[in-house]
Amino acid sequence: MRGTVKSITIKSHKPLVVITADEYDGMKETIELLSVNPSLPAILKKERDRMDRGDYIALSDYKKKYKIR
């Protein structure tokens, strides 16, 4: 579980959700990324599937291949 979520009621009797500032910032960042690139979830899923199949190159091998220190 990421963080504890608590529900409270205020004068308007509408529920609020209380989360940490870090979680809120992360949610705002996610919304911003998705607004710029709505296909991002599909792209990430495709890449996760590729990695699950072992279709990737290790960083050390990448550095050797492209002569990067």
PDB file of N, CA and C in Angstrom:
ATOM      1  N   MET A   1       0.848  -1.180   0.000  1.00  0.00           N
ATOM      2  CA  MET A   1       0.000   0.000   0.000  1.00  0.00           C
ATOM      3  C   MET A   1       0.888   1.235   0.000  1.00  0.00           C
ATOM      4  N   ARG A   2       0.577   2.193  -0.847  1.00  0.00           N
ATOM      5  CA  ARG A   2       1.430   3.360  -1.000  1.00  0.00           C
ATOM      6  C   ARG A   2       1.400   4.257   0.218  1.00  0.00           C
ATOM      7  N   GLY A   3       0.270   4.674   0.638  1.00  0.00           N
ATOM      8  CA  GLY A   3       0.167   5.583   1.764  1.00  0.00           C
ATOM      9  C   GLY A   3      -1.201   5.423   2.390  1.00  0.00           C
ATOM     10  N   THR A   4      -1.309   5.876   3.586  1.00  0.00           N
ATOM     11  CA  THR A   4      -2.593   5.777   4.262  1.00  0.00           C
ATOM     12  C   THR A   4      -3.529   6.843   3.741  1.00  0.00           C
ATOM     13  N   VAL A   5      -4.722   6.449   3.384  1.00  0.00           N
ATOM     14  CA  VAL A   5      -5.737   7.360   2.898  1.00  0.00           C
ATOM     15  C   VAL A   5      -6.815   7.457   3.965  1.00  0.00           C
ATOM     16  N   LYS A   6      -7.178   8.677   4.345  1.00  0.00           N
ATOM     17  CA  LYS A   6      -8.200   8.895   5.363  1.00  0.00           C
ATOM     18  C   LYS A   6      -9.292   9.772   4.774  1.00  0.00           C
ATOM     19  N   SER A   7     -10.514   9.521   5.169  1.00  0.00           N
ATOM     20  CA  SER A   7     -11.648  10.307   4.712  1.00  0.00           C
ATOM     21  C   SER A   7     -12.188  11.099   5.902  1.00  0.00           C
ATOM     22  N   ILE A   8     -12.461  12.398   5.677  1.00  0.00           N
ATOM     23  CA  ILE A   8     -13.032  13.227   6.734  1.00  0.00           C
ATOM     24  C   ILE A   8     -14.228  13.979   6.155  1.00  0.00           C
ATOM     25  N   THR A   9     -15.070  14.501   6.999  1.00  0.00           N
ATOM     26  CA  THR A   9     -16.225  15.273   6.544  1.00  0.00           C
ATOM     27  C   THR A   9     -16.108  16.689   7.099  1.00  0.00           C
ATOM     28  N   ILE A  10     -16.402  17.669   6.257  1.00  0.00           N
ATOM     29  CA  ILE A  10     -16.365  19.068   6.675  1.00  0.00           C
ATOM     30  C   ILE A  10     -17.792  19.621   6.685  1.00  0.00           C
ATOM     31  N   LYS A  11     -17.945  20.893   6.954  1.00  0.00           N
ATOM     32  CA  LYS A  11     -19.263  21.518   7.066  1.00  0.00           C
ATOM     33  C   LYS A  11     -20.186  21.204   5.891  1.00  0.00           C
ATOM     34  N   SER A  12     -19.655  21.101   4.712  1.00  0.00           N
ATOM     35  CA  SER A  12     -20.491  20.866   3.533  1.00  0.00           C
ATOM     36  C   SER A  12     -20.941  19.412   3.436  1.00  0.00           C
ATOM     37  N   HIS A  13     -20.439  18.590   4.322  1.00  0.00           N
ATOM     38  CA  HIS A  13     -20.772  17.166   4.339  1.00  0.00           C
ATOM     39  C   HIS A  13     -20.284  16.429   3.094  1.00  0.00           C
ATOM     40  N   LYS A  14     -19.334  17.006   2.418  1.00  0.00           N
ATOM     41  CA  LYS A  14     -18.724  16.334   1.280  1.00  0.00           C
ATOM     42  C   LYS A  14     -17.420  15.718   1.758  1.00  0.00           C
ATOM     43  N   PRO A  15     -17.173  14.468   1.420  1.00  0.00           N
ATOM     44  CA  PRO A  15     -15.949  13.818   1.891  1.00  0.00           C
ATOM     45  C   PRO A  15     -14.695  14.411   1.241  1.00  0.00           C
ATOM     46  N   LEU A  16     -13.619  14.430   1.986  1.00  0.00           N
ATOM     47  CA  LEU A  16     -12.306  14.843   1.503  1.00  0.00           C
ATOM     48  C   LEU A  16     -11.376  13.655   1.620  1.00  0.00           C
ATOM     49  N   VAL A  17     -10.346  13.644   0.803  1.00  0.00           N
ATOM     50  CA  VAL A  17      -9.312  12.633   0.905  1.00  0.00           C
ATOM     51  C   VAL A  17      -8.035  13.345   1.318  1.00  0.00           C
ATOM     52  N   VAL A  18      -7.383  12.862   2.352  1.00  0.00           N
ATOM     53  CA  VAL A  18      -6.154  13.468   2.847  1.00  0.00           C
ATOM     54  C   VAL A  18      -4.991  12.565   2.447  1.00  0.00           C
ATOM     55  N   ILE A  19      -4.035  13.147   1.724  1.00  0.00           N
ATOM     56  CA  ILE A  19      -2.841  12.409   1.310  1.00  0.00           C
ATOM     57  C   ILE A  19      -1.626  13.286   1.598  1.00  0.00           C
ATOM     58  N   THR A  20      -0.459  12.685   1.568  1.00  0.00           N
ATOM     59  CA  THR A  20       0.754  13.461   1.801  1.00  0.00           C
ATOM     60  C   THR A  20       1.015  14.387   0.611  1.00  0.00           C
ATOM     61  N   ALA A  21       1.773  15.422   0.860  1.00  0.00           N
ATOM     62  CA  ALA A  21       2.138  16.359  -0.212  1.00  0.00           C
ATOM     63  C   ALA A  21       2.913  15.639  -1.309  1.00  0.00           C
ATOM     64  N   ASP A  22       3.768  14.683  -0.942  1.00  0.00           N
ATOM     65  CA  ASP A  22       4.528  13.927  -1.940  1.00  0.00           C
ATOM     66  C   ASP A  22       3.596  13.138  -2.865  1.00  0.00           C
ATOM     67  N   GLU A  23       2.591  12.488  -2.273  1.00  0.00           N
ATOM     68  CA  GLU A  23       1.643  11.741  -3.091  1.00  0.00           C
ATOM     69  C   GLU A  23       0.868  12.675  -4.015  1.00  0.00           C
ATOM     70  N   TYR A  24       0.456  13.827  -3.486  1.00  0.00           N
ATOM     71  CA  TYR A  24      -0.274  14.808  -4.287  1.00  0.00           C
ATOM     72  C   TYR A  24       0.589  15.298  -5.453  1.00  0.00           C
ATOM     73  N   ASP A  25       1.844  15.612  -5.168  1.00  0.00           N
ATOM     74  CA  ASP A  25       2.758  16.060  -6.226  1.00  0.00           C
ATOM     75  C   ASP A  25       2.924  14.981  -7.290  1.00  0.00           C
ATOM     76  N   GLY A  26       3.029  13.729  -6.852  1.00  0.00           N
ATOM     77  CA  GLY A  26       3.153  12.620  -7.799  1.00  0.00           C
ATOM     78  C   GLY A  26       1.926  12.484  -8.682  1.00  0.00           C
ATOM     79  N   MET A  27       0.750  12.662  -8.089  1.00  0.00           N
ATOM     80  CA  MET A  27      -0.487  12.600  -8.860  1.00  0.00           C
ATOM     81  C   MET A  27      -0.559  13.733  -9.872  1.00  0.00           C
ATOM     82  N   LYS A  28      -0.157  14.939  -9.461  1.00  0.00           N
ATOM     83  CA  LYS A  28      -0.160  16.081 -10.387  1.00  0.00           C
ATOM     84  C   LYS A  28       0.803  15.821 -11.546  1.00  0.00           C
ATOM     85  N   GLU A  29       1.963  15.261 -11.233  1.00  0.00           N
ATOM     86  CA  GLU A  29       2.950  14.969 -12.278  1.00  0.00           C
ATOM     87  C   GLU A  29       2.403  13.929 -13.252  1.00  0.00           C
ATOM     88  N   THR A  30       1.747  12.906 -12.726  1.00  0.00           N
ATOM     89  CA  THR A  30       1.156  11.874 -13.580  1.00  0.00           C
ATOM     90  C   THR A  30       0.105  12.475 -14.501  1.00  0.00           C
ATOM     91  N   ILE A  31      -0.751  13.330 -13.961  1.00  0.00           N
ATOM     92  CA  ILE A  31      -1.788  13.984 -14.771  1.00  0.00           C
ATOM     93  C   ILE A  31      -1.146  14.831 -15.866  1.00  0.00           C
ATOM     94  N   GLU A  32      -0.090  15.545 -15.516  1.00  0.00           N
ATOM     95  CA  GLU A  32       0.595  16.379 -16.508  1.00  0.00           C
ATOM     96  C   GLU A  32       1.198  15.519 -17.620  1.00  0.00           C
ATOM     97  N   LEU A  33       1.856  14.423 -17.244  1.00  0.00           N
ATOM     98  CA  LEU A  33       2.460  13.539 -18.249  1.00  0.00           C
ATOM     99  C   LEU A  33       1.395  12.948 -19.164  1.00  0.00           C
ATOM    100  N   LEU A  34       0.275  12.540 -18.592  1.00  0.00           N
ATOM    101  CA  LEU A  34      -0.792  11.953 -19.395  1.00  0.00           C
ATOM    102  C   LEU A  34      -1.464  12.994 -20.286  1.00  0.00           C
ATOM    103  N   SER A  35      -1.519  14.241 -19.846  1.00  0.00           N
ATOM    104  CA  SER A  35      -2.133  15.279 -20.677  1.00  0.00           C
ATOM    105  C   SER A  35      -1.259  15.595 -21.881  1.00  0.00           C
ATOM    106  N   VAL A  36       0.038  15.456 -21.726  1.00  0.00           N
ATOM    107  CA  VAL A  36       0.965  15.710 -22.829  1.00  0.00           C
ATOM    108  C   VAL A  36       0.994  14.524 -23.790  1.00  0.00           C
ATOM    109  N   ASN A  37       0.903  13.304 -23.228  1.00  0.00           N
ATOM    110  CA  ASN A  37       0.981  12.104 -24.051  1.00  0.00           C
ATOM    111  C   ASN A  37      -0.046  11.079 -23.561  1.00  0.00           C
ATOM    112  N   PRO A  38      -1.294  11.164 -24.033  1.00  0.00           N
ATOM    113  CA  PRO A  38      -2.343  10.257 -23.569  1.00  0.00           C
ATOM    114  C   PRO A  38      -2.072   8.787 -23.866  1.00  0.00           C
ATOM    115  N   SER A  39      -1.200   8.490 -24.820  1.00  0.00           N
ATOM    116  CA  SER A  39      -0.897   7.093 -25.151  1.00  0.00           C
ATOM    117  C   SER A  39       0.205   6.515 -24.272  1.00  0.00           C
ATOM    118  N   LEU A  40       0.687   7.299 -23.306  1.00  0.00           N
ATOM    119  CA  LEU A  40       1.791   6.848 -22.451  1.00  0.00           C
ATOM    120  C   LEU A  40       1.513   5.521 -21.740  1.00  0.00           C
ATOM    121  N   PRO A  41       0.331   5.298 -21.155  1.00  0.00           N
ATOM    122  CA  PRO A  41       0.099   4.000 -20.501  1.00  0.00           C
ATOM    123  C   PRO A  41       0.280   2.809 -21.451  1.00  0.00           C
ATOM    124  N   ALA A  42      -0.200   2.936 -22.683  1.00  0.00           N
ATOM    125  CA  ALA A  42      -0.048   1.848 -23.655  1.00  0.00           C
ATOM    126  C   ALA A  42       1.418   1.637 -24.015  1.00  0.00           C
ATOM    127  N   ILE A  43       2.150   2.732 -24.167  1.00  0.00           N
ATOM    128  CA  ILE A  43       3.579   2.637 -24.481  1.00  0.00           C
ATOM    129  C   ILE A  43       4.320   1.943 -23.343  1.00  0.00           C
ATOM    130  N   LEU A  44       4.032   2.346 -22.099  1.00  0.00           N
ATOM    131  CA  LEU A  44       4.701   1.734 -20.951  1.00  0.00           C
ATOM    132  C   LEU A  44       4.358   0.253 -20.818  1.00  0.00           C
ATOM    133  N   LYS A  45       3.100  -0.111 -21.081  1.00  0.00           N
ATOM    134  CA  LYS A  45       2.704  -1.517 -21.010  1.00  0.00           C
ATOM    135  C   LYS A  45       3.466  -2.333 -22.045  1.00  0.00           C
ATOM    136  N   LYS A  46       3.572  -1.794 -23.250  1.00  0.00           N
ATOM    137  CA  LYS A  46       4.304  -2.482 -24.319  1.00  0.00           C
ATOM    138  C   LYS A  46       5.765  -2.701 -23.903  1.00  0.00           C
ATOM    139  N   GLU A  47       6.378  -1.684 -23.316  1.00  0.00           N
ATOM    140  CA  GLU A  47       7.776  -1.800 -22.892  1.00  0.00           C
ATOM    141  C   GLU A  47       7.928  -2.786 -21.720  1.00  0.00           C
ATOM    142  N   ARG A  48       6.967  -2.775 -20.777  1.00  0.00           N
ATOM    143  CA  ARG A  48       7.013  -3.748 -19.666  1.00  0.00           C
ATOM    144  C   ARG A  48       6.902  -5.170 -20.203  1.00  0.00           C
ATOM    145  N   ASP A  49       6.005  -5.375 -21.163  1.00  0.00           N
ATOM    146  CA  ASP A  49       5.852  -6.698 -21.775  1.00  0.00           C
ATOM    147  C   ASP A  49       7.143  -7.141 -22.455  1.00  0.00           C
ATOM    148  N   ARG A  50       7.777  -6.192 -23.137  1.00  0.00           N
ATOM    149  CA  ARG A  50       9.051  -6.488 -23.808  1.00  0.00           C
ATOM    150  C   ARG A  50      10.108  -6.916 -22.791  1.00  0.00           C
ATOM    151  N   MET A  51      10.188  -6.185 -21.683  1.00  0.00           N
ATOM    152  CA  MET A  51      11.176  -6.513 -20.647  1.00  0.00           C
ATOM    153  C   MET A  51      10.862  -7.856 -19.999  1.00  0.00           C
ATOM    154  N   ASP A  52       9.565  -8.144 -19.802  1.00  0.00           N
ATOM    155  CA  ASP A  52       9.167  -9.431 -19.233  1.00  0.00           C
ATOM    156  C   ASP A  52       9.595 -10.591 -20.117  1.00  0.00           C
ATOM    157  N   ARG A  53       9.655 -10.344 -21.421  1.00  0.00           N
ATOM    158  CA  ARG A  53      10.114 -11.376 -22.358  1.00  0.00           C
ATOM    159  C   ARG A  53      11.635 -11.461 -22.401  1.00  0.00           C
ATOM    160  N   GLY A  54      12.313 -10.558 -21.710  1.00  0.00           N
ATOM    161  CA  GLY A  54      13.779 -10.554 -21.713  1.00  0.00           C
ATOM    162  C   GLY A  54      14.370  -9.807 -22.884  1.00  0.00           C
ATOM    163  N   ASP A  55      13.579  -9.028 -23.550  1.00  0.00           N
ATOM    164  CA  ASP A  55      14.011  -8.280 -24.731  1.00  0.00           C
ATOM    165  C   ASP A  55      14.544  -6.917 -24.315  1.00  0.00           C
ATOM    166  N   TYR A  56      15.745  -6.915 -23.773  1.00  0.00           N
ATOM    167  CA  TYR A  56      16.395  -5.671 -23.358  1.00  0.00           C
ATOM    168  C   TYR A  56      17.896  -5.885 -23.319  1.00  0.00           C
ATOM    169  N   ILE A  57      18.641  -4.807 -23.160  1.00  0.00           N
ATOM    170  CA  ILE A  57      20.089  -4.881 -23.068  1.00  0.00           C
ATOM    171  C   ILE A  57      20.502  -4.297 -21.709  1.00  0.00           C
ATOM    172  N   ALA A  58      21.409  -4.963 -21.056  1.00  0.00           N
ATOM    173  CA  ALA A  58      21.892  -4.484 -19.757  1.00  0.00           C
ATOM    174  C   ALA A  58      22.668  -3.181 -19.952  1.00  0.00           C
ATOM    175  N   LEU A  59      22.636  -2.323 -18.950  1.00  0.00           N
ATOM    176  CA  LEU A  59      23.325  -1.035 -19.038  1.00  0.00           C
ATOM    177  C   LEU A  59      24.815  -1.221 -19.327  1.00  0.00           C
ATOM    178  N   SER A  60      25.438  -2.171 -18.666  1.00  0.00           N
ATOM    179  CA  SER A  60      26.872  -2.395 -18.890  1.00  0.00           C
ATOM    180  C   SER A  60      27.144  -2.798 -20.341  1.00  0.00           C
ATOM    181  N   ASP A  61      26.287  -3.618 -20.919  1.00  0.00           N
ATOM    182  CA  ASP A  61      26.452  -4.022 -22.325  1.00  0.00           C
ATOM    183  C   ASP A  61      26.194  -2.847 -23.266  1.00  0.00           C
ATOM    184  N   TYR A  62      25.218  -2.026 -22.923  1.00  0.00           N
ATOM    185  CA  TYR A  62      24.918  -0.835 -23.719  1.00  0.00           C
ATOM    186  C   TYR A  62      26.133   0.097 -23.746  1.00  0.00           C
ATOM    187  N   LYS A  63      26.729   0.300 -22.579  1.00  0.00           N
ATOM    188  CA  LYS A  63      27.902   1.175 -22.499  1.00  0.00           C
ATOM    189  C   LYS A  63      29.050   0.625 -23.322  1.00  0.00           C
ATOM    190  N   LYS A  64      29.262  -0.679 -23.284  1.00  0.00           N
ATOM    191  CA  LYS A  64      30.332  -1.287 -24.089  1.00  0.00           C
ATOM    192  C   LYS A  64      30.037  -1.112 -25.573  1.00  0.00           C
ATOM    193  N   LYS A  65      28.789  -1.386 -25.947  1.00  0.00           N
ATOM    194  CA  LYS A  65      28.404  -1.336 -27.352  1.00  0.00           C
ATOM    195  C   LYS A  65      28.598   0.067 -27.927  1.00  0.00           C
ATOM    196  N   TYR A  66      28.235   1.088 -27.151  1.00  0.00           N
ATOM    197  CA  TYR A  66      28.294   2.455 -27.651  1.00  0.00           C
ATOM    198  C   TYR A  66      29.496   3.237 -27.083  1.00  0.00           C
ATOM    199  N   LYS A  67      30.415   2.491 -26.480  1.00  0.00           N
ATOM    200  CA  LYS A  67      31.659   3.076 -25.962  1.00  0.00           C
ATOM    201  C   LYS A  67      31.400   4.289 -25.074  1.00  0.00           C
ATOM    202  N   ILE A  68      30.545   4.069 -24.085  1.00  0.00           N
ATOM    203  CA  ILE A  68      30.206   5.109 -23.114  1.00  0.00           C
ATOM    204  C   ILE A  68      30.840   4.754 -21.779  1.00  0.00           C
ATOM    205  N   ARG A  69      31.396   5.724 -21.108  1.00  0.00           N
ATOM    206  CA  ARG A  69      32.028   5.446 -19.811  1.00  0.00           C
ATOM    207  C   ARG A  69      31.023   5.410 -18.721  1.00  0.00           C
TER     208      ARG A  69
END
